[in-house]
């Protein structure tokens, strides 16, 4: 017999506030000094409400970090170019602005929090990489990849290229330059971000795909096309 749940239903609005507060706590204090008391105060909720939703501090930290990562679904467009055009923007968002700053700070602390690091990598980083690698596997099956390129290596090239743009070239991958939700100021922000992403896409496709007469790298020409 199914057991009836008691108490008030879980409020997704509170969940979102707590996760946003947890991200702020991580940004300011990092993993080592992170506390549910601080999160509850930032979110304006009772600390018992936080513990009712997350069994432990580690669970909340992992979920807060996960809220900053790219959540990818296999696009299955039929070409590597189409798949990467769908996958690159959300990855670029996760590697830009405040998201990157918070993630980078926490990554610097993983040596002191191996359990958090292992869970975060298993549940989020590896899953993101797996979606990308699957796209390259499909491209290999279609004969799009050069012989010397493996799906794993192609994934590393793409992720490394995006990260290089974000960290060292002062080249914005995000349209508005922060996570404030603004409109990006027209072509000045969004246009620069789009060009940056496009540069990475063309660079990677040029490295890992076979030249195909009558098409751009990573683009499949249909029979008779």
N, C-alpha and C. Protein backbone atom coordinates (compact mmCIF):
# COMPACT_ATOMS: atom_id res chain seq x y z
N UNK A 1 0.84 -1.19 0.00
CA UNK A 1 0.00 0.00 0.00
C UNK A 1 0.88 1.25 0.00
N UNK A 2 0.52 2.21 -0.84
CA UNK A 2 1.33 3.41 -0.96
C UNK A 2 1.15 4.30 0.26
N UNK A 3 2.27 4.76 0.81
CA UNK A 3 2.21 5.57 2.01
C UNK A 3 1.93 7.02 1.66
N UNK A 4 0.98 7.64 2.36
CA UNK A 4 0.61 9.03 2.10
C UNK A 4 1.64 9.96 2.72
N UNK A 5 2.11 10.94 1.93
CA UNK A 5 3.06 11.92 2.46
C UNK A 5 2.34 12.93 3.32
N UNK A 6 2.91 13.24 4.46
CA UNK A 6 2.33 14.22 5.37
C UNK A 6 3.08 15.54 5.27
N UNK A 7 2.41 16.57 5.79
CA UNK A 7 3.04 17.88 5.80
C UNK A 7 2.75 18.65 4.53
N UNK A 8 3.29 19.88 4.49
CA UNK A 8 3.04 20.76 3.36
C UNK A 8 3.88 20.32 2.17
N UNK A 9 3.35 20.47 0.95
CA UNK A 9 4.14 20.10 -0.23
C UNK A 9 5.37 20.97 -0.37
N UNK A 10 6.39 20.41 -0.99
CA UNK A 10 7.65 21.13 -1.17
C UNK A 10 7.44 22.30 -2.13
N UNK A 11 7.95 23.46 -1.75
CA UNK A 11 7.78 24.67 -2.52
C UNK A 11 9.00 24.88 -3.42
N UNK A 12 8.85 24.74 -4.75
CA UNK A 12 10.01 24.91 -5.64
C UNK A 12 10.60 26.31 -5.58
N UNK A 13 9.77 27.30 -5.22
CA UNK A 13 10.29 28.65 -5.09
C UNK A 13 11.32 28.77 -3.99
N UNK A 14 11.07 28.08 -2.87
CA UNK A 14 12.03 28.08 -1.77
C UNK A 14 13.30 27.34 -2.19
N UNK A 15 13.13 26.22 -2.89
CA UNK A 15 14.30 25.47 -3.36
C UNK A 15 15.21 26.37 -4.19
N UNK A 16 14.61 27.14 -5.11
CA UNK A 16 15.39 28.02 -5.99
C UNK A 16 16.10 29.10 -5.18
N UNK A 17 15.42 29.67 -4.19
CA UNK A 17 16.05 30.69 -3.34
C UNK A 17 17.21 30.13 -2.56
N UNK A 18 17.03 28.93 -2.04
CA UNK A 18 18.10 28.31 -1.25
C UNK A 18 19.30 28.01 -2.14
N UNK A 19 19.06 27.48 -3.34
CA UNK A 19 20.18 27.19 -4.24
C UNK A 19 20.91 28.46 -4.65
N UNK A 20 20.15 29.53 -4.94
CA UNK A 20 20.79 30.80 -5.29
C UNK A 20 21.61 31.33 -4.11
N UNK A 21 21.07 31.19 -2.90
CA UNK A 21 21.80 31.63 -1.71
C UNK A 21 23.04 30.77 -1.49
N UNK A 22 22.94 29.49 -1.79
CA UNK A 22 24.09 28.59 -1.64
C UNK A 22 25.20 28.97 -2.60
N UNK A 23 24.84 29.36 -3.81
CA UNK A 23 25.84 29.82 -4.78
C UNK A 23 26.54 31.07 -4.26
N UNK A 24 25.77 32.01 -3.69
CA UNK A 24 26.37 33.22 -3.13
C UNK A 24 27.30 32.88 -1.97
N UNK A 25 26.89 31.92 -1.15
CA UNK A 25 27.72 31.49 -0.02
C UNK A 25 29.04 30.90 -0.52
N UNK A 26 28.95 30.08 -1.57
CA UNK A 26 30.16 29.50 -2.15
C UNK A 26 31.06 30.57 -2.76
N UNK A 27 30.44 31.53 -3.43
CA UNK A 27 31.22 32.59 -4.07
C UNK A 27 32.00 33.40 -3.05
N UNK A 28 31.39 33.62 -1.89
CA UNK A 28 32.02 34.46 -0.87
C UNK A 28 32.96 33.68 0.03
N UNK A 29 32.58 32.45 0.38
CA UNK A 29 33.33 31.72 1.41
C UNK A 29 34.02 30.46 0.91
N UNK A 30 33.63 29.96 -0.26
CA UNK A 30 34.20 28.71 -0.73
C UNK A 30 33.58 27.52 -0.03
N UNK A 31 34.13 26.34 -0.30
CA UNK A 31 33.57 25.10 0.26
C UNK A 31 33.90 24.96 1.74
N UNK A 32 35.14 25.26 2.11
CA UNK A 32 35.59 25.01 3.48
C UNK A 32 34.77 25.76 4.52
N UNK A 33 34.42 27.02 4.24
CA UNK A 33 33.68 27.84 5.22
C UNK A 33 32.18 27.89 4.92
N UNK A 34 31.72 27.09 3.99
CA UNK A 34 30.30 27.06 3.62
C UNK A 34 29.47 26.56 4.80
N UNK A 35 28.32 27.21 5.05
CA UNK A 35 27.47 26.77 6.16
C UNK A 35 26.00 26.90 5.78
N UNK A 36 25.20 25.95 6.25
CA UNK A 36 23.76 26.02 6.00
C UNK A 36 23.14 27.19 6.75
N UNK A 37 23.73 27.58 7.87
CA UNK A 37 23.23 28.74 8.61
C UNK A 37 23.34 30.00 7.74
N UNK A 38 24.50 30.15 7.09
CA UNK A 38 24.68 31.30 6.22
C UNK A 38 23.74 31.26 5.03
N UNK A 39 23.53 30.08 4.48
CA UNK A 39 22.62 29.93 3.33
C UNK A 39 21.20 30.30 3.74
N UNK A 40 20.76 29.79 4.90
CA UNK A 40 19.40 30.08 5.37
C UNK A 40 19.20 31.58 5.57
N UNK A 41 20.21 32.25 6.12
CA UNK A 41 20.10 33.69 6.34
C UNK A 41 20.00 34.44 5.01
N UNK A 42 20.80 34.03 4.04
CA UNK A 42 20.76 34.69 2.73
C UNK A 42 19.42 34.47 2.04
N UNK A 43 18.89 33.26 2.18
CA UNK A 43 17.65 32.91 1.50
C UNK A 43 16.41 33.41 2.24
N UNK A 44 16.59 33.80 3.50
CA UNK A 44 15.46 34.26 4.30
C UNK A 44 14.52 33.13 4.68
N UNK A 45 15.10 31.95 4.96
CA UNK A 45 14.29 30.80 5.36
C UNK A 45 14.85 30.24 6.66
N UNK A 46 14.03 29.44 7.32
CA UNK A 46 14.47 28.78 8.56
C UNK A 46 15.49 27.70 8.21
N UNK A 47 16.52 27.57 9.04
CA UNK A 47 17.55 26.57 8.76
C UNK A 47 16.98 25.16 8.74
N UNK A 48 15.92 24.93 9.52
CA UNK A 48 15.30 23.61 9.51
C UNK A 48 14.70 23.29 8.15
N UNK A 49 14.24 24.35 7.46
CA UNK A 49 13.70 24.15 6.12
C UNK A 49 14.77 23.71 5.14
N UNK A 50 16.00 24.24 5.33
CA UNK A 50 17.10 23.82 4.48
C UNK A 50 17.43 22.35 4.72
N UNK A 51 17.51 21.97 6.00
CA UNK A 51 17.85 20.59 6.33
C UNK A 51 16.75 19.62 5.93
N UNK A 52 15.51 20.10 5.87
CA UNK A 52 14.42 19.23 5.43
C UNK A 52 14.54 18.91 3.94
N UNK A 53 15.20 19.78 3.20
CA UNK A 53 15.34 19.59 1.76
C UNK A 53 16.66 18.91 1.39
N UNK A 54 17.72 19.20 2.12
CA UNK A 54 19.03 18.61 1.86
C UNK A 54 19.51 17.94 3.14
N UNK A 55 19.79 16.67 3.06
CA UNK A 55 20.14 15.89 4.25
C UNK A 55 21.43 16.37 4.91
N UNK A 56 22.36 16.87 4.10
CA UNK A 56 23.62 17.32 4.65
C UNK A 56 24.20 18.47 3.86
N UNK A 57 25.23 19.09 4.41
CA UNK A 57 25.88 20.21 3.75
C UNK A 57 26.46 19.80 2.41
N UNK A 58 27.05 18.61 2.36
CA UNK A 58 27.65 18.13 1.11
C UNK A 58 26.62 18.06 -0.01
N UNK A 59 25.41 17.59 0.31
CA UNK A 59 24.36 17.50 -0.71
C UNK A 59 24.01 18.88 -1.27
N UNK A 60 23.93 19.87 -0.39
CA UNK A 60 23.59 21.22 -0.82
C UNK A 60 24.70 21.83 -1.66
N UNK A 61 25.94 21.61 -1.27
CA UNK A 61 27.07 22.13 -2.05
C UNK A 61 27.07 21.54 -3.45
N UNK A 62 26.88 20.22 -3.53
CA UNK A 62 26.88 19.56 -4.85
C UNK A 62 25.75 20.10 -5.72
N UNK A 63 24.56 20.27 -5.14
CA UNK A 63 23.43 20.78 -5.93
C UNK A 63 23.64 22.24 -6.33
N UNK A 64 24.26 23.02 -5.46
CA UNK A 64 24.53 24.42 -5.80
C UNK A 64 25.53 24.51 -6.96
N UNK A 65 26.58 23.70 -6.90
CA UNK A 65 27.54 23.67 -8.00
C UNK A 65 26.87 23.18 -9.28
N UNK A 66 26.00 22.18 -9.14
CA UNK A 66 25.32 21.64 -10.32
C UNK A 66 24.45 22.69 -10.99
N UNK A 67 23.90 23.62 -10.21
CA UNK A 67 23.04 24.66 -10.79
C UNK A 67 23.82 25.59 -11.71
N UNK A 68 25.15 25.56 -11.62
CA UNK A 68 26.00 26.42 -12.44
C UNK A 68 26.49 25.73 -13.70
N UNK A 69 26.32 24.42 -13.79
CA UNK A 69 26.88 23.67 -14.90
C UNK A 69 25.92 23.61 -16.08
N UNK A 70 26.46 23.20 -17.23
CA UNK A 70 25.63 23.04 -18.42
C UNK A 70 24.83 21.75 -18.29
N UNK A 71 23.54 21.85 -18.54
CA UNK A 71 22.68 20.67 -18.53
C UNK A 71 22.37 20.31 -19.97
N UNK A 72 23.04 19.30 -20.45
CA UNK A 72 23.00 18.98 -21.86
C UNK A 72 22.10 17.80 -22.16
N UNK A 73 21.41 17.89 -23.27
CA UNK A 73 20.64 16.78 -23.80
C UNK A 73 21.15 16.49 -25.21
N UNK A 74 21.26 15.21 -25.59
CA UNK A 74 21.74 14.89 -26.94
C UNK A 74 20.85 15.52 -28.00
N UNK A 75 21.40 16.37 -28.88
CA UNK A 75 20.56 17.06 -29.86
C UNK A 75 20.15 16.18 -31.05
N UNK A 76 21.00 15.22 -31.45
CA UNK A 76 20.66 14.27 -32.52
C UNK A 76 20.20 14.98 -33.79
N UNK A 77 21.01 15.91 -34.28
CA UNK A 77 20.62 16.68 -35.47
C UNK A 77 20.96 15.96 -36.77
N UNK A 78 21.82 14.94 -36.71
CA UNK A 78 22.22 14.24 -37.92
C UNK A 78 23.55 14.68 -38.48
N UNK A 79 24.16 15.70 -37.88
CA UNK A 79 25.50 16.13 -38.29
C UNK A 79 26.26 16.63 -37.07
N UNK A 80 27.57 16.54 -37.14
CA UNK A 80 28.38 17.03 -36.02
C UNK A 80 28.22 18.54 -35.87
N UNK A 81 28.21 19.25 -36.98
CA UNK A 81 28.04 20.70 -36.92
C UNK A 81 26.73 21.05 -36.21
N UNK A 82 25.65 20.42 -36.60
CA UNK A 82 24.36 20.71 -35.98
C UNK A 82 24.36 20.39 -34.50
N UNK A 83 24.97 19.24 -34.13
CA UNK A 83 25.02 18.87 -32.72
C UNK A 83 25.82 19.89 -31.91
N UNK A 84 26.97 20.30 -32.42
CA UNK A 84 27.81 21.23 -31.67
C UNK A 84 27.20 22.63 -31.63
N UNK A 85 26.49 23.01 -32.68
CA UNK A 85 25.80 24.31 -32.63
C UNK A 85 24.77 24.35 -31.52
N UNK A 86 24.20 23.18 -31.18
CA UNK A 86 23.24 23.11 -30.08
C UNK A 86 23.93 22.99 -28.73
N UNK A 87 25.11 22.36 -28.69
CA UNK A 87 25.76 22.07 -27.41
C UNK A 87 26.71 23.18 -26.94
N UNK A 88 27.35 23.87 -27.87
CA UNK A 88 28.36 24.86 -27.47
C UNK A 88 27.79 26.01 -26.63
N UNK A 89 26.63 26.61 -27.00
CA UNK A 89 26.15 27.76 -26.21
C UNK A 89 25.96 27.47 -24.72
N UNK A 90 25.27 26.36 -24.32
CA UNK A 90 25.13 26.15 -22.88
C UNK A 90 26.45 25.85 -22.17
N UNK A 91 27.38 25.21 -22.87
CA UNK A 91 28.69 24.97 -22.26
C UNK A 91 29.42 26.29 -22.08
N UNK A 92 29.36 27.14 -23.09
CA UNK A 92 30.01 28.45 -23.00
C UNK A 92 29.44 29.27 -21.86
N UNK A 93 28.12 29.21 -21.66
CA UNK A 93 27.50 29.93 -20.54
C UNK A 93 28.08 29.46 -19.21
N UNK A 94 28.26 28.15 -19.07
CA UNK A 94 28.75 27.60 -17.81
C UNK A 94 30.22 27.96 -17.57
N UNK A 95 30.95 28.28 -18.63
CA UNK A 95 32.37 28.61 -18.50
C UNK A 95 32.62 30.11 -18.50
N UNK A 96 31.56 30.89 -18.33
CA UNK A 96 31.70 32.35 -18.43
C UNK A 96 31.18 33.06 -17.19
N UNK A 97 31.65 34.28 -17.00
CA UNK A 97 31.10 35.17 -15.98
C UNK A 97 31.16 34.58 -14.58
N UNK A 98 30.11 34.87 -13.82
CA UNK A 98 30.06 34.47 -12.42
C UNK A 98 30.07 32.96 -12.24
N UNK A 99 29.43 32.27 -13.14
CA UNK A 99 29.44 30.80 -13.03
C UNK A 99 30.86 30.27 -13.00
N UNK A 100 31.66 30.71 -13.95
CA UNK A 100 33.05 30.24 -13.99
C UNK A 100 33.81 30.64 -12.75
N UNK A 101 33.61 31.87 -12.27
CA UNK A 101 34.32 32.35 -11.10
C UNK A 101 34.04 31.49 -9.88
N UNK A 102 32.76 31.17 -9.67
CA UNK A 102 32.40 30.35 -8.51
C UNK A 102 32.95 28.94 -8.68
N UNK A 103 32.76 28.35 -9.86
CA UNK A 103 33.25 27.00 -10.09
C UNK A 103 34.76 26.92 -9.94
N UNK A 104 35.46 27.95 -10.46
CA UNK A 104 36.92 27.94 -10.38
C UNK A 104 37.39 28.01 -8.94
N UNK A 105 36.74 28.85 -8.14
CA UNK A 105 37.14 28.94 -6.75
C UNK A 105 36.95 27.61 -6.03
N UNK A 106 35.82 26.95 -6.31
CA UNK A 106 35.52 25.69 -5.64
C UNK A 106 36.43 24.56 -6.14
N UNK A 107 36.76 24.59 -7.43
CA UNK A 107 37.68 23.59 -7.96
C UNK A 107 39.04 23.69 -7.27
N UNK A 108 39.44 24.93 -6.95
CA UNK A 108 40.72 25.13 -6.26
C UNK A 108 40.71 24.49 -4.87
N UNK A 109 39.53 24.23 -4.32
CA UNK A 109 39.43 23.68 -2.97
C UNK A 109 39.14 22.19 -2.93
N UNK A 110 39.06 21.55 -4.10
CA UNK A 110 38.60 20.16 -4.10
C UNK A 110 39.53 19.23 -3.32
N UNK A 111 40.78 19.58 -3.21
CA UNK A 111 41.70 18.72 -2.46
C UNK A 111 41.27 18.58 -1.00
N UNK A 112 40.60 19.61 -0.47
CA UNK A 112 40.15 19.55 0.92
C UNK A 112 38.76 18.95 1.04
N UNK A 113 38.09 18.72 -0.09
CA UNK A 113 36.73 18.17 -0.06
C UNK A 113 36.62 17.08 -1.13
N UNK A 114 37.37 15.97 -0.97
CA UNK A 114 37.38 14.94 -2.03
C UNK A 114 36.02 14.31 -2.27
N UNK A 115 35.19 14.19 -1.24
CA UNK A 115 33.88 13.57 -1.43
C UNK A 115 32.99 14.45 -2.32
N UNK A 116 33.01 15.75 -2.05
CA UNK A 116 32.24 16.69 -2.88
C UNK A 116 32.76 16.66 -4.31
N UNK A 117 34.08 16.68 -4.47
CA UNK A 117 34.67 16.69 -5.80
C UNK A 117 34.29 15.45 -6.58
N UNK A 118 34.34 14.29 -5.92
CA UNK A 118 34.02 13.03 -6.60
C UNK A 118 32.56 12.99 -7.04
N UNK A 119 31.64 13.42 -6.17
CA UNK A 119 30.22 13.42 -6.52
C UNK A 119 29.92 14.40 -7.63
N UNK A 120 30.50 15.59 -7.55
CA UNK A 120 30.25 16.61 -8.56
C UNK A 120 30.77 16.16 -9.92
N UNK A 121 31.94 15.59 -9.93
CA UNK A 121 32.49 15.10 -11.21
C UNK A 121 31.64 13.98 -11.77
N UNK A 122 31.28 13.01 -10.93
CA UNK A 122 30.51 11.85 -11.41
C UNK A 122 29.14 12.25 -11.92
N UNK A 123 28.45 13.08 -11.16
CA UNK A 123 27.04 13.37 -11.47
C UNK A 123 26.85 14.48 -12.50
N UNK A 124 27.86 15.34 -12.69
CA UNK A 124 27.63 16.50 -13.54
C UNK A 124 28.72 16.70 -14.59
N UNK A 125 29.97 16.77 -14.19
CA UNK A 125 31.04 17.01 -15.16
C UNK A 125 31.14 15.85 -16.14
N UNK A 126 31.17 14.62 -15.62
CA UNK A 126 31.31 13.46 -16.50
C UNK A 126 30.09 13.29 -17.40
N UNK A 127 28.90 13.61 -16.90
CA UNK A 127 27.70 13.50 -17.74
C UNK A 127 27.72 14.50 -18.87
N UNK A 128 28.17 15.70 -18.58
CA UNK A 128 28.30 16.73 -19.62
C UNK A 128 29.29 16.27 -20.69
N UNK A 129 30.44 15.78 -20.26
CA UNK A 129 31.45 15.31 -21.20
C UNK A 129 30.92 14.12 -22.00
N UNK A 130 30.11 13.27 -21.37
CA UNK A 130 29.58 12.09 -22.06
C UNK A 130 28.65 12.48 -23.20
N UNK A 131 27.84 13.52 -23.01
CA UNK A 131 26.95 13.98 -24.08
C UNK A 131 27.78 14.47 -25.27
N UNK A 132 28.84 15.22 -24.98
CA UNK A 132 29.72 15.69 -26.05
C UNK A 132 30.41 14.52 -26.75
N UNK A 133 30.94 13.61 -25.94
CA UNK A 133 31.66 12.48 -26.54
C UNK A 133 30.74 11.63 -27.40
N UNK A 134 29.49 11.47 -26.97
CA UNK A 134 28.52 10.72 -27.77
C UNK A 134 28.29 11.40 -29.13
N UNK A 135 28.26 12.74 -29.13
CA UNK A 135 28.09 13.46 -30.40
C UNK A 135 29.26 13.16 -31.34
N UNK A 136 30.47 13.10 -30.79
CA UNK A 136 31.63 12.77 -31.62
C UNK A 136 31.62 11.30 -32.03
N UNK A 137 31.11 10.41 -31.17
CA UNK A 137 30.97 9.01 -31.56
C UNK A 137 30.03 8.87 -32.75
N UNK A 138 28.91 9.59 -32.71
CA UNK A 138 27.97 9.53 -33.83
C UNK A 138 28.61 10.07 -35.11
N UNK A 139 29.41 11.13 -34.95
CA UNK A 139 30.11 11.69 -36.10
C UNK A 139 31.10 10.68 -36.68
N UNK A 140 31.76 9.95 -35.79
CA UNK A 140 32.71 8.94 -36.26
C UNK A 140 31.99 7.85 -37.03
N UNK A 141 30.83 7.42 -36.54
CA UNK A 141 30.04 6.40 -37.24
C UNK A 141 29.63 6.87 -38.63
N UNK A 142 29.33 8.16 -38.75
CA UNK A 142 28.96 8.72 -40.05
C UNK A 142 30.16 8.99 -40.94
N UNK A 143 31.37 8.78 -40.41
CA UNK A 143 32.58 9.00 -41.21
C UNK A 143 33.02 10.45 -41.26
N UNK A 144 32.58 11.25 -40.30
CA UNK A 144 32.91 12.68 -40.32
C UNK A 144 34.27 12.98 -39.70
N UNK A 145 34.74 12.16 -38.76
CA UNK A 145 35.99 12.46 -38.06
C UNK A 145 37.19 11.96 -38.85
N UNK A 146 38.30 12.69 -38.74
CA UNK A 146 39.55 12.22 -39.33
C UNK A 146 40.03 11.00 -38.56
N UNK A 147 40.81 10.16 -39.22
CA UNK A 147 41.23 8.89 -38.63
C UNK A 147 41.99 9.07 -37.31
N UNK A 148 42.81 10.13 -37.25
CA UNK A 148 43.67 10.31 -36.08
C UNK A 148 42.92 10.84 -34.87
N UNK A 149 41.64 11.18 -35.02
CA UNK A 149 40.88 11.79 -33.92
C UNK A 149 39.97 10.76 -33.27
N UNK A 150 40.02 10.67 -31.93
CA UNK A 150 39.08 9.85 -31.19
C UNK A 150 38.01 10.74 -30.59
N UNK A 151 36.82 10.21 -30.31
CA UNK A 151 35.79 11.04 -29.67
C UNK A 151 36.25 11.65 -28.36
N UNK A 152 37.02 10.90 -27.57
CA UNK A 152 37.50 11.44 -26.30
C UNK A 152 38.44 12.61 -26.53
N UNK A 153 39.35 12.48 -27.49
CA UNK A 153 40.29 13.56 -27.77
C UNK A 153 39.56 14.77 -28.35
N UNK A 154 38.58 14.55 -29.21
CA UNK A 154 37.82 15.67 -29.78
C UNK A 154 37.07 16.42 -28.68
N UNK A 155 36.54 15.69 -27.71
CA UNK A 155 35.85 16.33 -26.58
C UNK A 155 36.82 17.20 -25.79
N UNK A 156 38.02 16.70 -25.55
CA UNK A 156 39.03 17.48 -24.84
C UNK A 156 39.40 18.75 -25.61
N UNK A 157 39.51 18.63 -26.93
CA UNK A 157 39.86 19.80 -27.75
C UNK A 157 38.78 20.87 -27.64
N UNK A 158 37.52 20.46 -27.72
CA UNK A 158 36.43 21.43 -27.66
C UNK A 158 36.35 22.09 -26.29
N UNK A 159 36.38 21.28 -25.23
CA UNK A 159 36.28 21.85 -23.89
C UNK A 159 37.49 22.73 -23.59
N UNK A 160 38.67 22.29 -24.01
CA UNK A 160 39.87 23.07 -23.77
C UNK A 160 39.84 24.40 -24.52
N UNK A 161 39.32 24.39 -25.74
CA UNK A 161 39.26 25.62 -26.53
C UNK A 161 38.31 26.63 -25.90
N UNK A 162 37.15 26.15 -25.45
CA UNK A 162 36.19 27.04 -24.79
C UNK A 162 36.77 27.60 -23.49
N UNK A 163 37.43 26.74 -22.73
CA UNK A 163 38.01 27.18 -21.45
C UNK A 163 39.13 28.18 -21.68
N UNK A 164 39.94 27.96 -22.72
CA UNK A 164 41.02 28.90 -23.03
C UNK A 164 40.47 30.27 -23.35
N UNK A 165 39.41 30.32 -24.14
CA UNK A 165 38.79 31.61 -24.46
C UNK A 165 38.32 32.31 -23.19
N UNK A 166 37.73 31.55 -22.31
CA UNK A 166 37.14 32.14 -21.11
C UNK A 166 38.20 32.62 -20.12
N UNK A 167 39.28 31.84 -19.97
CA UNK A 167 40.24 32.11 -18.90
C UNK A 167 41.37 33.05 -19.29
N UNK A 168 41.88 32.92 -20.51
CA UNK A 168 43.14 33.59 -20.81
C UNK A 168 43.08 34.63 -21.91
N UNK A 169 42.08 34.58 -22.77
CA UNK A 169 42.07 35.49 -23.90
C UNK A 169 41.18 36.70 -23.70
N UNK A 170 40.55 36.81 -22.53
CA UNK A 170 39.65 37.93 -22.25
C UNK A 170 38.63 38.08 -23.38
N UNK A 171 38.15 36.95 -23.84
CA UNK A 171 37.26 36.92 -25.00
C UNK A 171 35.90 36.41 -24.51
N UNK A 172 34.89 37.26 -24.41
CA UNK A 172 33.63 36.85 -23.77
C UNK A 172 32.91 35.76 -24.54
N UNK A 173 32.55 34.71 -23.82
CA UNK A 173 31.72 33.66 -24.39
C UNK A 173 30.25 33.91 -24.07
N UNK A 174 30.01 34.79 -23.09
CA UNK A 174 28.65 35.09 -22.68
C UNK A 174 28.24 36.45 -23.21
N UNK A 175 27.00 36.56 -23.67
CA UNK A 175 26.55 37.79 -24.32
C UNK A 175 26.57 39.00 -23.42
N UNK A 176 26.03 38.89 -22.20
CA UNK A 176 25.91 40.09 -21.37
C UNK A 176 27.09 40.26 -20.42
N UNK A 177 28.05 39.32 -20.42
CA UNK A 177 29.25 39.48 -19.63
C UNK A 177 29.09 39.16 -18.16
N UNK A 178 27.83 38.89 -17.69
CA UNK A 178 27.63 38.49 -16.31
C UNK A 178 26.37 37.65 -16.24
N UNK A 179 25.93 37.34 -15.05
CA UNK A 179 24.74 36.52 -14.88
C UNK A 179 23.55 37.32 -14.42
N UNK A 180 23.51 38.60 -14.78
CA UNK A 180 22.46 39.46 -14.28
C UNK A 180 21.16 39.32 -15.04
N UNK A 181 21.20 38.61 -16.19
CA UNK A 181 19.99 38.41 -16.95
C UNK A 181 19.65 39.57 -17.86
N UNK A 182 20.63 40.49 -18.12
CA UNK A 182 20.37 41.62 -18.99
C UNK A 182 20.29 41.19 -20.44
N UNK A 183 20.00 42.17 -21.30
CA UNK A 183 19.81 41.83 -22.70
C UNK A 183 21.10 41.84 -23.50
N UNK A 184 22.22 42.14 -22.83
CA UNK A 184 23.51 42.04 -23.49
C UNK A 184 23.91 43.27 -24.28
N UNK A 185 23.03 44.30 -24.28
CA UNK A 185 23.42 45.54 -24.92
C UNK A 185 23.52 45.44 -26.43
N UNK A 186 22.68 44.61 -27.04
CA UNK A 186 22.68 44.52 -28.49
C UNK A 186 23.89 43.79 -29.00
N UNK A 187 24.38 44.21 -30.17
CA UNK A 187 25.45 43.49 -30.83
C UNK A 187 26.76 43.56 -30.06
N UNK A 188 26.94 44.61 -29.23
CA UNK A 188 28.20 44.76 -28.53
C UNK A 188 28.52 43.57 -27.66
N UNK A 189 27.53 43.03 -26.90
CA UNK A 189 27.79 41.89 -26.04
C UNK A 189 27.45 40.59 -26.72
N UNK A 190 26.20 40.46 -27.18
CA UNK A 190 25.77 39.21 -27.79
C UNK A 190 26.54 38.92 -29.07
N UNK A 191 26.83 39.97 -29.86
CA UNK A 191 27.56 39.75 -31.09
C UNK A 191 28.97 39.25 -30.84
N UNK A 192 29.65 39.82 -29.85
CA UNK A 192 31.01 39.37 -29.52
C UNK A 192 31.00 37.93 -29.01
N UNK A 193 30.01 37.60 -28.19
CA UNK A 193 29.93 36.24 -27.66
C UNK A 193 29.65 35.25 -28.78
N UNK A 194 28.75 35.60 -29.68
CA UNK A 194 28.41 34.72 -30.79
C UNK A 194 29.62 34.50 -31.69
N UNK A 195 30.38 35.57 -31.97
CA UNK A 195 31.58 35.43 -32.80
C UNK A 195 32.62 34.55 -32.11
N UNK A 196 32.75 34.71 -30.79
CA UNK A 196 33.72 33.91 -30.04
C UNK A 196 33.36 32.44 -30.08
N UNK A 197 32.09 32.14 -29.85
CA UNK A 197 31.64 30.74 -29.90
C UNK A 197 31.81 30.17 -31.29
N UNK A 198 31.48 30.99 -32.31
CA UNK A 198 31.61 30.53 -33.68
C UNK A 198 33.06 30.25 -34.03
N UNK A 199 33.98 31.09 -33.55
CA UNK A 199 35.41 30.86 -33.79
C UNK A 199 35.84 29.52 -33.21
N UNK A 200 35.40 29.23 -31.98
CA UNK A 200 35.76 27.96 -31.35
C UNK A 200 35.18 26.80 -32.15
N UNK A 201 33.92 26.92 -32.54
CA UNK A 201 33.26 25.85 -33.29
C UNK A 201 34.00 25.55 -34.59
N UNK A 202 34.31 26.61 -35.36
CA UNK A 202 34.98 26.41 -36.64
C UNK A 202 36.39 25.86 -36.43
N UNK A 203 37.07 26.32 -35.40
CA UNK A 203 38.42 25.83 -35.09
C UNK A 203 38.40 24.33 -34.81
N UNK A 204 37.48 23.90 -33.96
CA UNK A 204 37.42 22.49 -33.58
C UNK A 204 36.98 21.63 -34.76
N UNK A 205 35.96 22.06 -35.48
CA UNK A 205 35.51 21.29 -36.64
C UNK A 205 36.62 21.16 -37.68
N UNK A 206 37.39 22.23 -37.87
CA UNK A 206 38.50 22.18 -38.82
C UNK A 206 39.58 21.20 -38.41
N UNK A 207 39.75 21.00 -37.09
CA UNK A 207 40.77 20.08 -36.60
C UNK A 207 40.35 18.63 -36.65
N UNK A 208 39.08 18.34 -36.37
CA UNK A 208 38.69 16.94 -36.13
C UNK A 208 37.87 16.30 -37.25
N UNK A 209 37.42 17.08 -38.23
CA UNK A 209 36.55 16.49 -39.25
C UNK A 209 37.25 16.37 -40.61
N UNK A 210 36.74 15.44 -41.40
CA UNK A 210 37.25 15.25 -42.76
C UNK A 210 36.74 16.36 -43.68
N UNK A 211 37.56 16.81 -44.60
CA UNK A 211 37.04 17.74 -45.62
C UNK A 211 35.99 17.02 -46.46
N UNK A 212 34.89 17.69 -46.74
CA UNK A 212 33.82 17.11 -47.53
C UNK A 212 33.46 18.07 -48.65
N UNK A 213 33.64 17.64 -49.89
CA UNK A 213 33.36 18.54 -51.03
C UNK A 213 31.93 19.08 -50.96
N UNK A 214 31.80 20.38 -51.12
CA UNK A 214 30.48 20.99 -51.17
C UNK A 214 29.84 21.24 -49.83
N UNK A 215 30.61 21.11 -48.73
CA UNK A 215 30.03 21.36 -47.41
C UNK A 215 31.08 21.97 -46.49
N UNK A 216 30.63 22.56 -45.41
CA UNK A 216 31.52 23.08 -44.38
C UNK A 216 31.97 21.93 -43.49
N UNK A 217 33.09 22.08 -42.78
CA UNK A 217 33.53 21.03 -41.85
C UNK A 217 32.42 20.66 -40.87
N UNK A 218 32.22 19.35 -40.69
CA UNK A 218 31.22 18.89 -39.74
C UNK A 218 29.80 18.91 -40.25
N UNK A 219 29.63 19.19 -41.52
CA UNK A 219 28.30 19.27 -42.11
C UNK A 219 28.10 18.09 -43.05
N UNK A 220 26.97 17.42 -42.92
CA UNK A 220 26.68 16.26 -43.75
C UNK A 220 25.86 16.70 -44.95
N UNK A 221 26.35 16.34 -46.14
CA UNK A 221 25.60 16.64 -47.36
C UNK A 221 24.70 15.45 -47.67
N UNK A 222 23.38 15.63 -47.73
CA UNK A 222 22.48 14.52 -48.02
C UNK A 222 22.71 13.97 -49.42
N UNK A 223 22.43 12.68 -49.62
CA UNK A 223 22.60 12.09 -50.94
C UNK A 223 21.82 12.88 -51.99
N UNK A 224 22.50 13.19 -53.09
CA UNK A 224 21.85 13.94 -54.15
C UNK A 224 21.83 15.43 -53.91
N UNK A 225 22.43 15.88 -52.72
CA UNK A 225 22.40 17.30 -52.39
C UNK A 225 23.49 18.07 -53.09
